[in-house]
N, C-alpha and C. Protein backbone atom coordinates (compact mmCIF):
# COMPACT_ATOMS: atom_id res chain seq x y z
N MET A 1 -23.23 -22.04 8.28
CA MET A 1 -22.39 -20.98 8.84
C MET A 1 -21.03 -20.99 8.14
N GLY A 2 -20.46 -19.82 7.85
CA GLY A 2 -19.22 -19.70 7.11
C GLY A 2 -18.00 -20.01 7.96
N MET A 3 -16.89 -20.20 7.25
CA MET A 3 -15.62 -20.46 7.89
C MET A 3 -15.09 -19.17 8.51
N SER A 4 -14.40 -19.30 9.63
CA SER A 4 -13.75 -18.14 10.24
C SER A 4 -12.37 -18.55 10.72
N ILE A 5 -11.37 -17.90 10.17
CA ILE A 5 -9.98 -18.13 10.56
C ILE A 5 -9.52 -16.84 11.21
N GLU A 6 -9.05 -16.93 12.45
CA GLU A 6 -8.71 -15.72 13.18
C GLU A 6 -7.25 -15.69 13.59
N GLY A 7 -6.79 -14.48 13.88
CA GLY A 7 -5.43 -14.30 14.34
C GLY A 7 -5.22 -12.88 14.80
N GLY A 8 -3.97 -12.58 15.15
CA GLY A 8 -3.65 -11.23 15.59
C GLY A 8 -2.22 -11.12 16.05
N CYS A 9 -1.91 -9.95 16.54
CA CYS A 9 -0.55 -9.64 16.96
C CYS A 9 -0.25 -10.17 18.36
N LEU A 10 0.97 -10.01 18.79
CA LEU A 10 1.43 -10.48 20.10
C LEU A 10 0.66 -9.86 21.25
N CYS A 11 0.43 -8.55 21.20
CA CYS A 11 -0.19 -7.87 22.34
C CYS A 11 -1.71 -7.87 22.28
N GLY A 12 -2.30 -8.24 21.16
CA GLY A 12 -3.76 -8.28 21.03
C GLY A 12 -4.40 -6.98 20.57
N ALA A 13 -3.60 -5.95 20.31
CA ALA A 13 -4.16 -4.68 19.86
C ALA A 13 -4.78 -4.78 18.47
N VAL A 14 -4.26 -5.69 17.64
CA VAL A 14 -4.79 -5.90 16.30
C VAL A 14 -5.23 -7.35 16.17
N ARG A 15 -6.48 -7.53 15.74
CA ARG A 15 -7.04 -8.86 15.48
C ARG A 15 -7.65 -8.84 14.08
N TYR A 16 -7.63 -9.99 13.42
CA TYR A 16 -8.21 -10.10 12.08
C TYR A 16 -8.98 -11.40 11.96
N ARG A 17 -9.82 -11.47 10.92
CA ARG A 17 -10.61 -12.67 10.64
C ARG A 17 -10.68 -12.86 9.13
N ALA A 18 -10.47 -14.08 8.69
CA ALA A 18 -10.64 -14.45 7.28
C ALA A 18 -11.85 -15.36 7.18
N THR A 19 -12.68 -15.14 6.18
CA THR A 19 -13.91 -15.92 6.04
C THR A 19 -13.81 -17.01 4.97
N ALA A 20 -12.63 -17.20 4.42
CA ALA A 20 -12.39 -18.25 3.43
C ALA A 20 -10.99 -18.80 3.65
N PRO A 21 -10.75 -20.04 3.25
CA PRO A 21 -9.42 -20.62 3.46
C PRO A 21 -8.36 -19.94 2.60
N PRO A 22 -7.10 -20.08 2.97
CA PRO A 22 -6.04 -19.51 2.15
C PRO A 22 -5.99 -20.18 0.78
N VAL A 23 -5.57 -19.41 -0.20
CA VAL A 23 -5.44 -19.95 -1.56
C VAL A 23 -4.03 -20.47 -1.81
N SER A 24 -3.10 -20.11 -0.92
CA SER A 24 -1.70 -20.53 -1.08
C SER A 24 -1.03 -20.44 0.28
N ARG A 25 0.01 -21.28 0.49
CA ARG A 25 0.77 -21.23 1.74
C ARG A 25 2.24 -21.46 1.40
N SER A 26 3.11 -20.58 1.90
CA SER A 26 4.52 -20.68 1.51
C SER A 26 5.44 -20.23 2.64
N ILE A 27 6.72 -20.53 2.44
CA ILE A 27 7.78 -19.98 3.27
C ILE A 27 8.63 -19.13 2.34
N CYS A 28 8.84 -17.88 2.73
CA CYS A 28 9.62 -16.97 1.91
C CYS A 28 11.00 -16.74 2.52
N HIS A 29 12.01 -16.81 1.67
CA HIS A 29 13.39 -16.60 2.10
C HIS A 29 13.97 -15.28 1.59
N CYS A 30 13.14 -14.40 1.01
CA CYS A 30 13.70 -13.18 0.42
C CYS A 30 14.28 -12.26 1.48
N ARG A 31 15.21 -11.43 1.04
CA ARG A 31 15.89 -10.51 1.97
C ARG A 31 14.92 -9.54 2.62
N SER A 32 13.95 -9.07 1.87
CA SER A 32 12.98 -8.11 2.39
C SER A 32 12.15 -8.72 3.52
N CYS A 33 11.67 -9.92 3.35
CA CYS A 33 10.89 -10.59 4.41
C CYS A 33 11.77 -10.86 5.63
N ARG A 34 13.01 -11.25 5.38
CA ARG A 34 13.92 -11.49 6.50
C ARG A 34 14.12 -10.22 7.31
N ARG A 35 14.35 -9.11 6.63
CA ARG A 35 14.58 -7.85 7.34
C ARG A 35 13.33 -7.39 8.08
N ALA A 36 12.18 -7.50 7.43
CA ALA A 36 10.93 -7.05 8.03
C ALA A 36 10.56 -7.86 9.28
N SER A 37 10.94 -9.14 9.29
CA SER A 37 10.56 -10.00 10.40
C SER A 37 11.67 -10.22 11.42
N GLY A 38 12.91 -10.00 11.01
CA GLY A 38 14.02 -10.32 11.90
C GLY A 38 14.22 -11.82 12.05
N ALA A 39 13.76 -12.58 11.06
CA ALA A 39 13.84 -14.05 11.09
C ALA A 39 14.47 -14.54 9.79
N PRO A 40 15.02 -15.77 9.77
CA PRO A 40 15.66 -16.27 8.57
C PRO A 40 14.70 -16.57 7.42
N SER A 41 13.42 -16.71 7.72
CA SER A 41 12.38 -16.92 6.70
C SER A 41 11.04 -16.61 7.35
N VAL A 42 10.01 -16.46 6.50
CA VAL A 42 8.68 -16.15 7.00
C VAL A 42 7.66 -17.05 6.32
N ALA A 43 6.78 -17.65 7.11
CA ALA A 43 5.66 -18.43 6.57
C ALA A 43 4.50 -17.48 6.30
N TRP A 44 3.92 -17.61 5.10
CA TRP A 44 2.80 -16.77 4.69
C TRP A 44 1.62 -17.63 4.27
N SER A 45 0.42 -17.18 4.61
CA SER A 45 -0.82 -17.75 4.10
C SER A 45 -1.49 -16.66 3.27
N THR A 46 -1.79 -16.97 2.03
CA THR A 46 -2.36 -15.99 1.11
C THR A 46 -3.87 -16.16 1.03
N PHE A 47 -4.58 -15.06 1.24
CA PHE A 47 -6.03 -15.04 1.23
C PHE A 47 -6.54 -14.09 0.15
N HIS A 48 -7.78 -14.31 -0.31
CA HIS A 48 -8.44 -13.31 -1.14
C HIS A 48 -8.65 -12.09 -0.27
N VAL A 49 -8.29 -10.92 -0.76
CA VAL A 49 -8.35 -9.69 0.04
C VAL A 49 -9.76 -9.43 0.58
N ASN A 50 -10.79 -9.79 -0.16
CA ASN A 50 -12.16 -9.54 0.29
C ASN A 50 -12.59 -10.45 1.44
N SER A 51 -11.83 -11.50 1.71
CA SER A 51 -12.20 -12.40 2.80
C SER A 51 -11.57 -11.99 4.13
N LEU A 52 -10.74 -10.95 4.14
CA LEU A 52 -10.04 -10.55 5.36
C LEU A 52 -10.61 -9.24 5.91
N VAL A 53 -10.90 -9.25 7.21
CA VAL A 53 -11.32 -8.03 7.90
C VAL A 53 -10.54 -7.90 9.20
N PHE A 54 -10.25 -6.68 9.57
CA PHE A 54 -9.64 -6.43 10.87
C PHE A 54 -10.77 -6.23 11.87
N SER A 55 -10.79 -7.04 12.90
CA SER A 55 -11.88 -7.02 13.88
C SER A 55 -11.55 -6.21 15.12
N ARG A 56 -10.28 -5.91 15.34
CA ARG A 56 -9.86 -5.05 16.45
C ARG A 56 -8.61 -4.29 16.03
N GLY A 57 -8.63 -3.01 16.19
CA GLY A 57 -7.49 -2.18 15.86
C GLY A 57 -7.19 -2.18 14.37
N MET A 58 -6.28 -1.35 13.98
CA MET A 58 -5.83 -1.29 12.59
C MET A 58 -4.30 -1.30 12.59
N PRO A 59 -3.71 -2.12 11.73
CA PRO A 59 -2.26 -2.15 11.68
C PRO A 59 -1.69 -0.89 11.04
N VAL A 60 -0.44 -0.63 11.32
CA VAL A 60 0.29 0.46 10.71
C VAL A 60 0.80 -0.02 9.36
N ARG A 61 0.73 0.84 8.35
CA ARG A 61 1.17 0.49 7.00
C ARG A 61 2.58 1.02 6.76
N TYR A 62 3.35 0.23 6.01
CA TYR A 62 4.71 0.61 5.66
C TYR A 62 5.01 0.14 4.24
N ARG A 63 5.39 1.04 3.36
CA ARG A 63 5.76 0.67 2.00
C ARG A 63 7.23 0.28 2.02
N SER A 64 7.49 -1.03 2.01
CA SER A 64 8.86 -1.54 2.14
C SER A 64 9.64 -1.49 0.84
N SER A 65 8.95 -1.38 -0.27
CA SER A 65 9.56 -1.16 -1.58
C SER A 65 8.50 -0.47 -2.43
N PRO A 66 8.86 0.03 -3.61
CA PRO A 66 7.90 0.81 -4.39
C PRO A 66 6.56 0.10 -4.65
N GLN A 67 6.56 -1.23 -4.74
CA GLN A 67 5.34 -1.96 -5.08
C GLN A 67 4.78 -2.80 -3.93
N VAL A 68 5.37 -2.72 -2.74
CA VAL A 68 4.96 -3.59 -1.64
C VAL A 68 4.54 -2.78 -0.42
N MET A 69 3.34 -3.13 0.09
CA MET A 69 2.85 -2.54 1.33
C MET A 69 2.81 -3.65 2.39
N ARG A 70 3.46 -3.41 3.50
CA ARG A 70 3.44 -4.33 4.64
C ARG A 70 2.69 -3.65 5.78
N THR A 71 2.13 -4.45 6.67
CA THR A 71 1.52 -3.88 7.87
C THR A 71 2.06 -4.59 9.10
N PHE A 72 1.98 -3.88 10.22
CA PHE A 72 2.43 -4.42 11.49
C PHE A 72 1.65 -3.74 12.60
N CYS A 73 1.69 -4.34 13.78
CA CYS A 73 1.04 -3.72 14.93
C CYS A 73 1.89 -2.53 15.39
N GLY A 74 1.23 -1.38 15.56
CA GLY A 74 1.93 -0.18 16.00
C GLY A 74 2.28 -0.20 17.47
N VAL A 75 1.75 -1.16 18.22
CA VAL A 75 2.05 -1.26 19.65
C VAL A 75 3.20 -2.23 19.90
N CYS A 76 3.07 -3.47 19.41
CA CYS A 76 4.09 -4.49 19.72
C CYS A 76 5.03 -4.77 18.56
N GLY A 77 4.70 -4.31 17.35
CA GLY A 77 5.59 -4.48 16.21
C GLY A 77 5.42 -5.75 15.41
N THR A 78 4.47 -6.62 15.77
CA THR A 78 4.28 -7.87 15.04
C THR A 78 3.98 -7.60 13.57
N GLN A 79 4.75 -8.23 12.67
CA GLN A 79 4.48 -8.14 11.23
C GLN A 79 3.21 -8.93 10.93
N LEU A 80 2.29 -8.33 10.18
CA LEU A 80 1.00 -8.97 9.94
C LEU A 80 0.72 -9.30 8.48
N THR A 81 0.86 -8.32 7.57
CA THR A 81 0.46 -8.58 6.19
C THR A 81 1.49 -8.08 5.18
N TYR A 82 1.29 -8.57 3.95
CA TYR A 82 2.10 -8.20 2.80
C TYR A 82 1.16 -8.10 1.61
N ARG A 83 1.25 -7.02 0.85
CA ARG A 83 0.47 -6.86 -0.39
C ARG A 83 1.36 -6.29 -1.47
N HIS A 84 1.29 -6.89 -2.64
CA HIS A 84 2.04 -6.42 -3.80
C HIS A 84 1.07 -5.71 -4.73
N ASP A 85 1.44 -4.54 -5.23
CA ASP A 85 0.58 -3.75 -6.10
C ASP A 85 0.14 -4.50 -7.35
N ASP A 86 0.93 -5.48 -7.79
CA ASP A 86 0.60 -6.24 -8.99
C ASP A 86 -0.47 -7.30 -8.75
N ASP A 87 -0.83 -7.55 -7.49
CA ASP A 87 -1.82 -8.57 -7.15
C ASP A 87 -2.82 -7.99 -6.16
N VAL A 88 -3.73 -7.17 -6.67
CA VAL A 88 -4.67 -6.45 -5.80
C VAL A 88 -5.74 -7.35 -5.20
N ASP A 89 -5.88 -8.58 -5.69
CA ASP A 89 -6.91 -9.48 -5.19
C ASP A 89 -6.49 -10.33 -4.01
N SER A 90 -5.20 -10.29 -3.64
CA SER A 90 -4.75 -11.15 -2.55
C SER A 90 -3.97 -10.37 -1.50
N ILE A 91 -3.93 -10.97 -0.32
CA ILE A 91 -3.16 -10.41 0.79
C ILE A 91 -2.53 -11.58 1.53
N ASP A 92 -1.27 -11.43 1.87
CA ASP A 92 -0.55 -12.46 2.63
C ASP A 92 -0.61 -12.11 4.11
N ILE A 93 -0.89 -13.11 4.92
CA ILE A 93 -0.89 -12.97 6.38
C ILE A 93 0.25 -13.81 6.91
N THR A 94 0.99 -13.29 7.88
CA THR A 94 2.04 -14.11 8.49
C THR A 94 1.36 -15.28 9.20
N THR A 95 1.68 -16.47 8.74
CA THR A 95 1.02 -17.68 9.24
C THR A 95 1.15 -17.83 10.75
N ALA A 96 2.28 -17.44 11.30
CA ALA A 96 2.49 -17.60 12.74
C ALA A 96 1.56 -16.71 13.57
N THR A 97 0.93 -15.69 12.96
CA THR A 97 0.00 -14.85 13.71
C THR A 97 -1.42 -15.42 13.72
N LEU A 98 -1.67 -16.49 12.97
CA LEU A 98 -2.97 -17.16 13.03
C LEU A 98 -3.14 -17.82 14.40
N ASP A 99 -4.36 -17.88 14.90
CA ASP A 99 -4.60 -18.53 16.19
C ASP A 99 -4.28 -20.02 16.13
N ALA A 100 -4.42 -20.63 14.96
CA ALA A 100 -4.12 -22.06 14.79
C ALA A 100 -3.20 -22.25 13.58
N PRO A 101 -1.96 -21.75 13.66
CA PRO A 101 -1.06 -21.85 12.50
C PRO A 101 -0.77 -23.29 12.08
N GLU A 102 -0.87 -24.22 13.00
CA GLU A 102 -0.59 -25.62 12.67
C GLU A 102 -1.58 -26.17 11.65
N GLN A 103 -2.72 -25.53 11.48
CA GLN A 103 -3.72 -25.97 10.51
C GLN A 103 -3.40 -25.51 9.09
N PHE A 104 -2.37 -24.68 8.93
CA PHE A 104 -2.05 -24.10 7.63
C PHE A 104 -0.57 -24.26 7.29
N PRO A 105 -0.09 -25.50 7.21
CA PRO A 105 1.34 -25.70 6.91
C PRO A 105 1.69 -25.24 5.50
N PRO A 106 2.88 -24.70 5.33
CA PRO A 106 3.29 -24.28 3.99
C PRO A 106 3.46 -25.48 3.07
N THR A 107 3.27 -25.24 1.77
CA THR A 107 3.41 -26.29 0.76
C THR A 107 4.57 -26.03 -0.18
N LYS A 108 5.16 -24.82 -0.10
CA LYS A 108 6.26 -24.49 -1.00
C LYS A 108 7.19 -23.48 -0.34
N GLU A 109 8.41 -23.42 -0.85
CA GLU A 109 9.38 -22.43 -0.41
C GLU A 109 9.73 -21.55 -1.60
N ILE A 110 9.69 -20.24 -1.37
CA ILE A 110 9.97 -19.29 -2.45
C ILE A 110 11.20 -18.45 -2.11
N TRP A 111 11.76 -17.85 -3.14
CA TRP A 111 12.98 -17.06 -3.02
C TRP A 111 14.13 -17.89 -2.42
N ILE A 112 14.22 -19.12 -2.87
CA ILE A 112 15.29 -20.02 -2.43
C ILE A 112 16.66 -19.44 -2.74
N GLU A 113 16.76 -18.65 -3.82
CA GLU A 113 18.07 -18.07 -4.16
C GLU A 113 18.56 -17.09 -3.10
N HIS A 114 17.69 -16.63 -2.21
CA HIS A 114 18.09 -15.75 -1.11
C HIS A 114 18.22 -16.49 0.22
N LYS A 115 17.94 -17.78 0.24
CA LYS A 115 17.97 -18.57 1.47
C LYS A 115 19.35 -18.48 2.13
N LEU A 116 19.35 -18.25 3.42
CA LEU A 116 20.61 -18.24 4.16
C LEU A 116 21.22 -19.63 4.11
N PRO A 117 22.54 -19.74 3.95
CA PRO A 117 23.16 -21.06 3.78
C PRO A 117 23.01 -21.97 5.00
N TRP A 118 22.80 -21.41 6.18
CA TRP A 118 22.68 -22.24 7.36
C TRP A 118 21.23 -22.65 7.67
N GLU A 119 20.28 -22.21 6.83
CA GLU A 119 18.90 -22.66 7.00
C GLU A 119 18.63 -23.77 6.00
N ARG A 120 18.07 -24.86 6.47
CA ARG A 120 17.81 -26.02 5.62
C ARG A 120 16.47 -25.88 4.92
N ALA A 121 16.45 -26.24 3.65
CA ALA A 121 15.20 -26.29 2.90
C ALA A 121 14.46 -27.57 3.28
N ASN A 122 13.15 -27.52 3.27
CA ASN A 122 12.33 -28.68 3.55
C ASN A 122 12.15 -29.44 2.23
N GLU A 123 12.76 -30.60 2.13
CA GLU A 123 12.75 -31.37 0.89
C GLU A 123 11.37 -31.89 0.51
N ALA A 124 10.42 -31.87 1.44
CA ALA A 124 9.06 -32.33 1.15
C ALA A 124 8.24 -31.28 0.39
N MET A 125 8.77 -30.06 0.28
CA MET A 125 8.05 -28.98 -0.38
C MET A 125 8.61 -28.68 -1.77
N ARG A 126 7.79 -28.03 -2.57
CA ARG A 126 8.26 -27.52 -3.86
C ARG A 126 9.13 -26.30 -3.58
N HIS A 127 10.15 -26.11 -4.42
CA HIS A 127 11.08 -24.98 -4.24
C HIS A 127 11.10 -24.13 -5.51
N TYR A 128 11.16 -22.82 -5.30
CA TYR A 128 11.19 -21.88 -6.40
C TYR A 128 12.33 -20.89 -6.18
N PRO A 129 13.15 -20.63 -7.21
CA PRO A 129 14.26 -19.69 -7.05
C PRO A 129 13.79 -18.31 -6.61
N ARG A 130 12.66 -17.88 -7.16
CA ARG A 130 12.05 -16.60 -6.79
C ARG A 130 10.58 -16.88 -6.44
N THR A 131 9.66 -16.16 -7.07
CA THR A 131 8.24 -16.40 -6.76
C THR A 131 7.77 -17.65 -7.47
N SER A 132 6.65 -18.15 -7.03
CA SER A 132 6.08 -19.34 -7.68
C SER A 132 5.07 -18.95 -8.75
N THR A 133 4.86 -17.64 -8.96
CA THR A 133 3.89 -17.20 -9.95
C THR A 133 4.53 -16.56 -11.17
N GLY A 134 5.83 -16.30 -11.11
CA GLY A 134 6.42 -15.58 -12.23
C GLY A 134 7.62 -16.17 -12.82
């Protein structure tokens, strides 16, 4: 039987399931993620796009910049996903929306150059000034 990783929004209107483990896990400090979430940073788990299905409801899509599509629950507003047009094979899920986020701790921090000065970096993780892929 295959792996199933599940999660969803605060109100339960949107639920999703991933059938493979994440390929990457990070904490992002970029301004865009901060604004979209209303938090000083966001933990993301990156999955192959083909392994993710929405099992209840469909999130609302929002193009937050010319190359980025984000989704959120249209009922409660929970931020759910991030996709960059340059990486059509992957989708980022907000780790905190997973049913068991403790099983997917981040391994790196990205966009450190945008980190708020009062938020501490986790010295046990790798740090990248911007993305870890470019």
